[in-house]
Amino acid sequence: MTTNTEGVIKYQLEYTTAPSLPAEHVREINAWRKILYLLQLVGQDESRYGGYGFGNISQRLDKQRFVISGTQTGALPDLTPEHYAIVLACHPAQNRLVGEGPIRPSSEALTHGVVYALDADIQWVMHAHSPHIWQHAEALDIPLTAADVPYGSPEMAAEVERLFQETTVADKGIFSMAGHEDGIVTFGRTAEDAGAVMLAYLSQAFQLDN
């Protein structure tokens, strides 16, 4: 898969414009999104992925709903409540997502929804773009989705489900998207859990660089 469609929503989106969440409801997710931005795991760079924004973060609200950073917000160093969407329902088999908010949800929202559906204990998902981790994924024994599966697709959703069934991904809290250049996903019960996994593997990748 080429990267010239990076950051483009591929699923069928049933979207309704709605007010943003109160600022206190996005304070924690916004803080962690800022950390990912400062680490260049979320952002936008004209020399990468055709210039599209990359990376996103989400937090479960209840059994089915989750809040996620909006599509094409990667270039912004600081987000506000207006930059977050709520996913109300996720239907991977039909390649369909229902969302609302002041902005449309991220192009990777379908994958986030699958992770939440597979484990009720998972409360946070972070999708970063890390060349360092991605290039060393096999050496770091990170579970990999198939290289011929594109992001934001029913096939990717099925691959994530396969990883949960056939690998130790649930224990590791991380997987690499082999067909999605530099795509890395971490998850956990808390933001600290998901963030710590990301940083631990980033540190190990840097050590392999040397």
C-alpha atoms as a PDB file:
ATOM      1  CA  MET A   1       0.000   0.000   0.000  1.00  0.00           C
ATOM      2  CA  THR A   2       1.278   3.455  -0.854  1.00  0.00           C
ATOM      3  CA  THR A   3       1.139   6.235   1.696  1.00  0.00           C
ATOM      4  CA  ASN A   4      -0.521   8.888  -0.425  1.00  0.00           C
ATOM      5  CA  THR A   5      -3.875   8.254   1.238  1.00  0.00           C
ATOM      6  CA  GLU A   6      -2.564   8.449   4.779  1.00  0.00           C
ATOM      7  CA  GLY A   7      -5.068  10.059   7.119  1.00  0.00           C
ATOM      8  CA  VAL A   8      -8.032   9.670   4.743  1.00  0.00           C
ATOM      9  CA  ILE A   9     -11.259   8.234   6.175  1.00  0.00           C
ATOM     10  CA  LYS A  10     -12.036   4.965   4.378  1.00  0.00           C
ATOM     11  CA  TYR A  11     -14.967   3.639   6.386  1.00  0.00           C
ATOM     12  CA  GLN A  12     -18.619   4.616   5.910  1.00  0.00           C
ATOM     13  CA  LEU A  13     -19.251   7.351   8.446  1.00  0.00           C
ATOM     14  CA  GLU A  14     -22.662   8.291   9.787  1.00  0.00           C
ATOM     15  CA  TYR A  15     -21.751  11.622  11.308  1.00  0.00           C
ATOM     16  CA  THR A  16     -23.869  14.169  13.162  1.00  0.00           C
ATOM     17  CA  THR A  17     -22.600  17.580  14.183  1.00  0.00           C
ATOM     18  CA  ALA A  18     -22.875  17.951  17.955  1.00  0.00           C
ATOM     19  CA  PRO A  19     -21.455  20.165  20.716  1.00  0.00           C
ATOM     20  CA  SER A  20     -17.991  19.405  22.039  1.00  0.00           C
ATOM     21  CA  LEU A  21     -17.427  17.637  25.332  1.00  0.00           C
ATOM     22  CA  PRO A  22     -16.805  19.864  28.362  1.00  0.00           C
ATOM     23  CA  ALA A  23     -13.150  20.822  28.743  1.00  0.00           C
ATOM     24  CA  GLU A  24     -12.755  18.792  31.943  1.00  0.00           C
ATOM     25  CA  HIS A  25     -13.815  15.637  30.072  1.00  0.00           C
ATOM     26  CA  VAL A  26     -10.922  15.882  27.610  1.00  0.00           C
ATOM     27  CA  ARG A  27      -8.247  17.192  29.964  1.00  0.00           C
ATOM     28  CA  GLU A  28      -6.456  13.863  30.424  1.00  0.00           C
ATOM     29  CA  ILE A  29      -6.674  12.706  26.810  1.00  0.00           C
ATOM     30  CA  ASN A  30      -5.492  16.133  25.673  1.00  0.00           C
ATOM     31  CA  ALA A  31      -2.474  15.957  27.984  1.00  0.00           C
ATOM     32  CA  TRP A  32      -1.440  12.584  26.578  1.00  0.00           C
ATOM     33  CA  ARG A  33      -2.035  13.692  23.033  1.00  0.00           C
ATOM     34  CA  LYS A  34       0.347  16.597  23.735  1.00  0.00           C
ATOM     35  CA  ILE A  35       2.984  14.142  24.956  1.00  0.00           C
ATOM     36  CA  LEU A  36       2.659  12.098  21.758  1.00  0.00           C
ATOM     37  CA  TYR A  37       2.918  15.279  19.695  1.00  0.00           C
ATOM     38  CA  LEU A  38       6.086  16.411  21.490  1.00  0.00           C
ATOM     39  CA  LEU A  39       7.615  12.971  20.866  1.00  0.00           C
ATOM     40  CA  GLN A  40       6.731  13.313  17.153  1.00  0.00           C
ATOM     41  CA  LEU A  41       4.550  10.211  17.390  1.00  0.00           C
ATOM     42  CA  VAL A  42       1.579  12.352  16.360  1.00  0.00           C
ATOM     43  CA  GLY A  43       1.919  15.249  13.974  1.00  0.00           C
ATOM     44  CA  GLN A  44       2.212  16.353  10.377  1.00  0.00           C
ATOM     45  CA  ASP A  45       5.294  16.561   8.199  1.00  0.00           C
ATOM     46  CA  GLU A  46       5.351  17.446   4.517  1.00  0.00           C
ATOM     47  CA  SER A  47       8.093  14.871   3.957  1.00  0.00           C
ATOM     48  CA  ARG A  48       6.109  11.982   5.506  1.00  0.00           C
ATOM     49  CA  TYR A  49       2.958  10.174   4.326  1.00  0.00           C
ATOM     50  CA  GLY A  50       2.179  12.586   1.529  1.00  0.00           C
ATOM     51  CA  GLY A  51       1.934  15.479   3.954  1.00  0.00           C
ATOM     52  CA  TYR A  52      -1.140  14.151   5.759  1.00  0.00           C
ATOM     53  CA  GLY A  53      -1.497  14.323   9.529  1.00  0.00           C
ATOM     54  CA  PHE A  54      -0.707  11.138  11.438  1.00  0.00           C
ATOM     55  CA  GLY A  55      -1.433   9.510  14.782  1.00  0.00           C
ATOM     56  CA  ASN A  56      -4.383   9.702  17.139  1.00  0.00           C
ATOM     57  CA  ILE A  57      -5.550   8.839  20.638  1.00  0.00           C
ATOM     58  CA  SER A  58      -8.807   7.654  22.166  1.00  0.00           C
ATOM     59  CA  GLN A  59     -10.418   6.995  25.545  1.00  0.00           C
ATOM     60  CA  ARG A  60     -13.369   4.744  26.285  1.00  0.00           C
ATOM     61  CA  LEU A  61     -16.419   6.552  27.650  1.00  0.00           C
ATOM     62  CA  ASP A  62     -18.615   3.512  28.366  1.00  0.00           C
ATOM     63  CA  LYS A  63     -19.217   0.013  26.980  1.00  0.00           C
ATOM     64  CA  GLN A  64     -19.535   1.127  23.343  1.00  0.00           C
ATOM     65  CA  ARG A  65     -18.698   4.824  23.066  1.00  0.00           C
ATOM     66  CA  PHE A  66     -15.248   6.390  23.008  1.00  0.00           C
ATOM     67  CA  VAL A  67     -13.785   9.837  22.450  1.00  0.00           C
ATOM     68  CA  ILE A  68     -11.071  10.199  19.816  1.00  0.00           C
ATOM     69  CA  SER A  69      -9.001  12.991  18.336  1.00  0.00           C
ATOM     70  CA  GLY A  70     -10.521  14.328  15.137  1.00  0.00           C
ATOM     71  CA  THR A  71      -9.396  13.683  11.603  1.00  0.00           C
ATOM     72  CA  GLN A  72      -6.512  15.813  10.313  1.00  0.00           C
ATOM     73  CA  THR A  73      -5.640  17.430  13.641  1.00  0.00           C
ATOM     74  CA  GLY A  74      -2.071  16.121  13.572  1.00  0.00           C
ATOM     75  CA  ALA A  75      -0.500  19.442  12.627  1.00  0.00           C
ATOM     76  CA  LEU A  76      -1.891  21.224  15.681  1.00  0.00           C
ATOM     77  CA  PRO A  77       0.464  21.384  18.685  1.00  0.00           C
ATOM     78  CA  ASP A  78      -2.452  21.979  21.050  1.00  0.00           C
ATOM     79  CA  LEU A  79      -6.003  20.705  20.748  1.00  0.00           C
ATOM     80  CA  THR A  80      -9.213  22.023  22.309  1.00  0.00           C
ATOM     81  CA  PRO A  81     -12.499  20.200  23.033  1.00  0.00           C
ATOM     82  CA  GLU A  82     -13.578  21.153  19.495  1.00  0.00           C
ATOM     83  CA  HIS A  83     -10.920  18.797  18.133  1.00  0.00           C
ATOM     84  CA  TYR A  84     -12.402  15.624  19.661  1.00  0.00           C
ATOM     85  CA  ALA A  85     -15.207  13.432  18.322  1.00  0.00           C
ATOM     86  CA  ILE A  86     -17.331  10.751  19.973  1.00  0.00           C
ATOM     87  CA  VAL A  87     -17.762   7.370  18.344  1.00  0.00           C
ATOM     88  CA  LEU A  88     -21.215   6.042  19.205  1.00  0.00           C
ATOM     89  CA  ALA A  89     -21.057   2.687  17.421  1.00  0.00           C
ATOM     90  CA  CYS A  90     -18.525   0.705  15.430  1.00  0.00           C
ATOM     91  CA  HIS A  91     -19.427  -1.998  12.902  1.00  0.00           C
ATOM     92  CA  PRO A  92     -16.179  -3.326  11.378  1.00  0.00           C
ATOM     93  CA  ALA A  93     -17.778  -6.087   9.294  1.00  0.00           C
ATOM     94  CA  GLN A  94     -19.876  -3.484   7.487  1.00  0.00           C
ATOM     95  CA  ASN A  95     -16.990  -0.975   7.400  1.00  0.00           C
ATOM     96  CA  ARG A  96     -19.322   1.470   9.148  1.00  0.00           C
ATOM     97  CA  LEU A  97     -18.954   3.861  12.057  1.00  0.00           C
ATOM     98  CA  VAL A  98     -21.408   6.191  13.785  1.00  0.00           C
ATOM     99  CA  GLY A  99     -20.000   9.362  15.284  1.00  0.00           C
ATOM    100  CA  GLU A 100     -20.859  12.818  16.481  1.00  0.00           C
ATOM    101  CA  GLY A 101     -19.189  15.982  17.690  1.00  0.00           C
ATOM    102  CA  PRO A 102     -17.738  19.230  16.385  1.00  0.00           C
ATOM    103  CA  ILE A 103     -15.309  17.303  14.143  1.00  0.00           C
ATOM    104  CA  ARG A 104     -15.246  13.986  12.316  1.00  0.00           C
ATOM    105  CA  PRO A 105     -13.398  11.133  14.045  1.00  0.00           C
ATOM    106  CA  SER A 106      -9.924  10.001  13.048  1.00  0.00           C
ATOM    107  CA  SER A 107      -9.404   7.782  10.020  1.00  0.00           C
ATOM    108  CA  GLU A 108      -8.200   5.042  12.399  1.00  0.00           C
ATOM    109  CA  ALA A 109     -11.347   5.102  14.570  1.00  0.00           C
ATOM    110  CA  LEU A 110     -12.470   1.726  13.231  1.00  0.00           C
ATOM    111  CA  THR A 111      -9.311   0.069  14.546  1.00  0.00           C
ATOM    112  CA  HIS A 112      -9.701   1.747  17.941  1.00  0.00           C
ATOM    113  CA  GLY A 113     -13.273   0.460  18.127  1.00  0.00           C
ATOM    114  CA  VAL A 114     -12.168  -3.109  17.430  1.00  0.00           C
ATOM    115  CA  VAL A 115      -9.573  -3.004  20.217  1.00  0.00           C
ATOM    116  CA  TYR A 116     -12.196  -1.789  22.696  1.00  0.00           C
ATOM    117  CA  ALA A 117     -14.659  -4.470  21.560  1.00  0.00           C
ATOM    118  CA  LEU A 118     -12.101  -7.248  22.045  1.00  0.00           C
ATOM    119  CA  ASP A 119     -11.265  -6.467  25.675  1.00  0.00           C
ATOM    120  CA  ALA A 120     -13.627  -4.718  28.100  1.00  0.00           C
ATOM    121  CA  ASP A 121     -10.697  -3.814  30.372  1.00  0.00           C
ATOM    122  CA  ILE A 122      -9.020  -1.630  27.741  1.00  0.00           C
ATOM    123  CA  GLN A 123      -9.792   2.021  28.354  1.00  0.00           C
ATOM    124  CA  TRP A 124      -7.154   3.769  26.217  1.00  0.00           C
ATOM    125  CA  VAL A 125      -5.769   3.319  22.713  1.00  0.00           C
ATOM    126  CA  MET A 126      -2.830   5.252  21.231  1.00  0.00           C
ATOM    127  CA  HIS A 127      -2.022   5.060  17.538  1.00  0.00           C
ATOM    128  CA  ALA A 128       1.417   6.501  16.850  1.00  0.00           C
ATOM    129  CA  HIS A 129       3.703   6.669  13.851  1.00  0.00           C
ATOM    130  CA  SER A 130       7.173   5.611  14.939  1.00  0.00           C
ATOM    131  CA  PRO A 131       9.711   4.685  12.263  1.00  0.00           C
ATOM    132  CA  HIS A 132      12.011   3.435  15.046  1.00  0.00           C
ATOM    133  CA  ILE A 133       9.576   0.966  16.617  1.00  0.00           C
ATOM    134  CA  TRP A 134       8.041  -0.042  13.265  1.00  0.00           C
ATOM    135  CA  GLN A 135      11.352  -0.903  11.638  1.00  0.00           C
ATOM    136  CA  HIS A 136      12.404  -2.999  14.634  1.00  0.00           C
ATOM    137  CA  ALA A 137       9.012  -4.598  15.272  1.00  0.00           C
ATOM    138  CA  GLU A 138      10.117  -8.138  14.491  1.00  0.00           C
ATOM    139  CA  ALA A 139      13.326  -7.826  16.504  1.00  0.00           C
ATOM    140  CA  LEU A 140      11.287  -6.505  19.426  1.00  0.00           C
ATOM    141  CA  ASP A 141       8.839  -9.419  19.119  1.00  0.00           C
ATOM    142  CA  ILE A 142       5.884  -7.092  18.555  1.00  0.00           C
ATOM    143  CA  PRO A 143       2.790  -8.777  17.080  1.00  0.00           C
ATOM    144  CA  LEU A 144       2.305  -7.739  13.443  1.00  0.00           C
ATOM    145  CA  THR A 145      -0.759  -7.338  11.282  1.00  0.00           C
ATOM    146  CA  ALA A 146      -0.398  -8.733   7.756  1.00  0.00           C
ATOM    147  CA  ALA A 147       1.649  -6.591   5.390  1.00  0.00           C
ATOM    148  CA  ASP A 148      -1.036  -6.621   2.680  1.00  0.00           C
ATOM    149  CA  VAL A 149      -3.793  -5.240   4.944  1.00  0.00           C
ATOM    150  CA  PRO A 150      -4.477  -1.467   4.723  1.00  0.00           C
ATOM    151  CA  TYR A 151      -5.365   0.758   7.645  1.00  0.00           C
ATOM    152  CA  GLY A 152      -8.923   1.782   8.486  1.00  0.00           C
ATOM    153  CA  SER A 153     -10.475  -1.240   6.765  1.00  0.00           C
ATOM    154  CA  PRO A 154     -12.560  -4.299   7.706  1.00  0.00           C
ATOM    155  CA  GLU A 155      -9.502  -6.387   6.856  1.00  0.00           C
ATOM    156  CA  MET A 156      -7.452  -4.491   9.449  1.00  0.00           C
ATOM    157  CA  ALA A 157     -10.213  -5.026  11.988  1.00  0.00           C
ATOM    158  CA  ALA A 158     -10.101  -8.752  11.275  1.00  0.00           C
ATOM    159  CA  GLU A 159      -6.308  -8.752  11.598  1.00  0.00           C
ATOM    160  CA  VAL A 160      -6.490  -7.086  15.008  1.00  0.00           C
ATOM    161  CA  GLU A 161      -8.999  -9.707  16.113  1.00  0.00           C
ATOM    162  CA  ARG A 162      -6.647 -12.415  14.843  1.00  0.00           C
ATOM    163  CA  LEU A 163      -3.791 -10.982  16.882  1.00  0.00           C
ATOM    164  CA  PHE A 164      -5.899 -11.102  20.043  1.00  0.00           C
ATOM    165  CA  GLN A 165      -6.795 -14.727  19.331  1.00  0.00           C
ATOM    166  CA  GLU A 166      -3.441 -16.071  18.151  1.00  0.00           C
ATOM    167  CA  THR A 167      -0.706 -13.962  19.792  1.00  0.00           C
ATOM    168  CA  THR A 168       0.284 -12.471  23.143  1.00  0.00           C
ATOM    169  CA  VAL A 169      -0.808  -8.994  22.042  1.00  0.00           C
ATOM    170  CA  ALA A 170      -3.219  -8.633  24.983  1.00  0.00           C
ATOM    171  CA  ASP A 171      -0.353  -9.115  27.427  1.00  0.00           C
ATOM    172  CA  LYS A 172       2.117  -6.963  25.498  1.00  0.00           C
ATOM    173  CA  GLY A 173      -0.269  -4.053  24.945  1.00  0.00           C
ATOM    174  CA  ILE A 174       1.191  -3.246  21.527  1.00  0.00           C
ATOM    175  CA  PHE A 175       0.996  -4.250  17.881  1.00  0.00           C
ATOM    176  CA  SER A 176       2.559  -3.019  14.672  1.00  0.00           C
ATOM    177  CA  MET A 177       0.681  -2.433  11.411  1.00  0.00           C
ATOM    178  CA  ALA A 178       3.002  -4.049   8.894  1.00  0.00           C
ATOM    179  CA  GLY A 179       1.021  -2.662   5.940  1.00  0.00           C
ATOM    180  CA  HIS A 180       0.645   0.829   7.401  1.00  0.00           C
ATOM    181  CA  GLU A 181       4.005   2.595   7.296  1.00  0.00           C
ATOM    182  CA  ASP A 182       5.298   3.356  10.814  1.00  0.00           C
ATOM    183  CA  GLY A 183       1.908   2.524  12.377  1.00  0.00           C
ATOM    184  CA  ILE A 184       2.128   1.390  15.998  1.00  0.00           C
ATOM    185  CA  VAL A 185      -0.803   0.881  18.393  1.00  0.00           C
ATOM    186  CA  THR A 186      -0.575   0.589  22.176  1.00  0.00           C
ATOM    187  CA  PHE A 187      -3.429   0.171  24.635  1.00  0.00           C
ATOM    188  CA  GLY A 188      -4.139  -0.337  28.310  1.00  0.00           C
ATOM    189  CA  ARG A 189      -6.409   0.100  31.287  1.00  0.00           C
ATOM    190  CA  THR A 190      -5.040   3.581  31.906  1.00  0.00           C
ATOM    191  CA  ALA A 191      -3.374   6.243  29.811  1.00  0.00           C
ATOM    192  CA  GLU A 192      -0.233   5.637  31.850  1.00  0.00           C
ATOM    193  CA  ASP A 193      -0.291   1.950  30.902  1.00  0.00           C
ATOM    194  CA  ALA A 194      -0.660   2.624  27.170  1.00  0.00           C
ATOM    195  CA  GLY A 195       1.870   5.458  27.260  1.00  0.00           C
ATOM    196  CA  ALA A 196       4.435   3.469  29.239  1.00  0.00           C
ATOM    197  CA  VAL A 197       4.309   0.621  26.712  1.00  0.00           C
ATOM    198  CA  MET A 198       4.899   3.088  23.883  1.00  0.00           C
ATOM    199  CA  LEU A 199       7.875   4.662  25.647  1.00  0.00           C
ATOM    200  CA  ALA A 200       9.379   1.335  26.690  1.00  0.00           C
ATOM    201  CA  TYR A 201       9.395   0.013  23.137  1.00  0.00           C
ATOM    202  CA  LEU A 202      10.643   3.331  21.788  1.00  0.00           C
ATOM    203  CA  SER A 203      13.580   3.098  24.184  1.00  0.00           C
ATOM    204  CA  GLN A 204      14.306  -0.472  23.096  1.00  0.00           C
ATOM    205  CA  ALA A 205      14.120   0.564  19.434  1.00  0.00           C
ATOM    206  CA  PHE A 206      16.601   3.386  20.012  1.00  0.00           C
ATOM    207  CA  GLN A 207      18.959   0.882  21.615  1.00  0.00           C
ATOM    208  CA  LEU A 208      18.756  -1.312  18.525  1.00  0.00           C
ATOM    209  CA  ASP A 209      19.540   1.740  16.375  1.00  0.00           C
ATOM    210  CA  ASN A 210      22.848   1.968  18.216  1.00  0.00           C
END
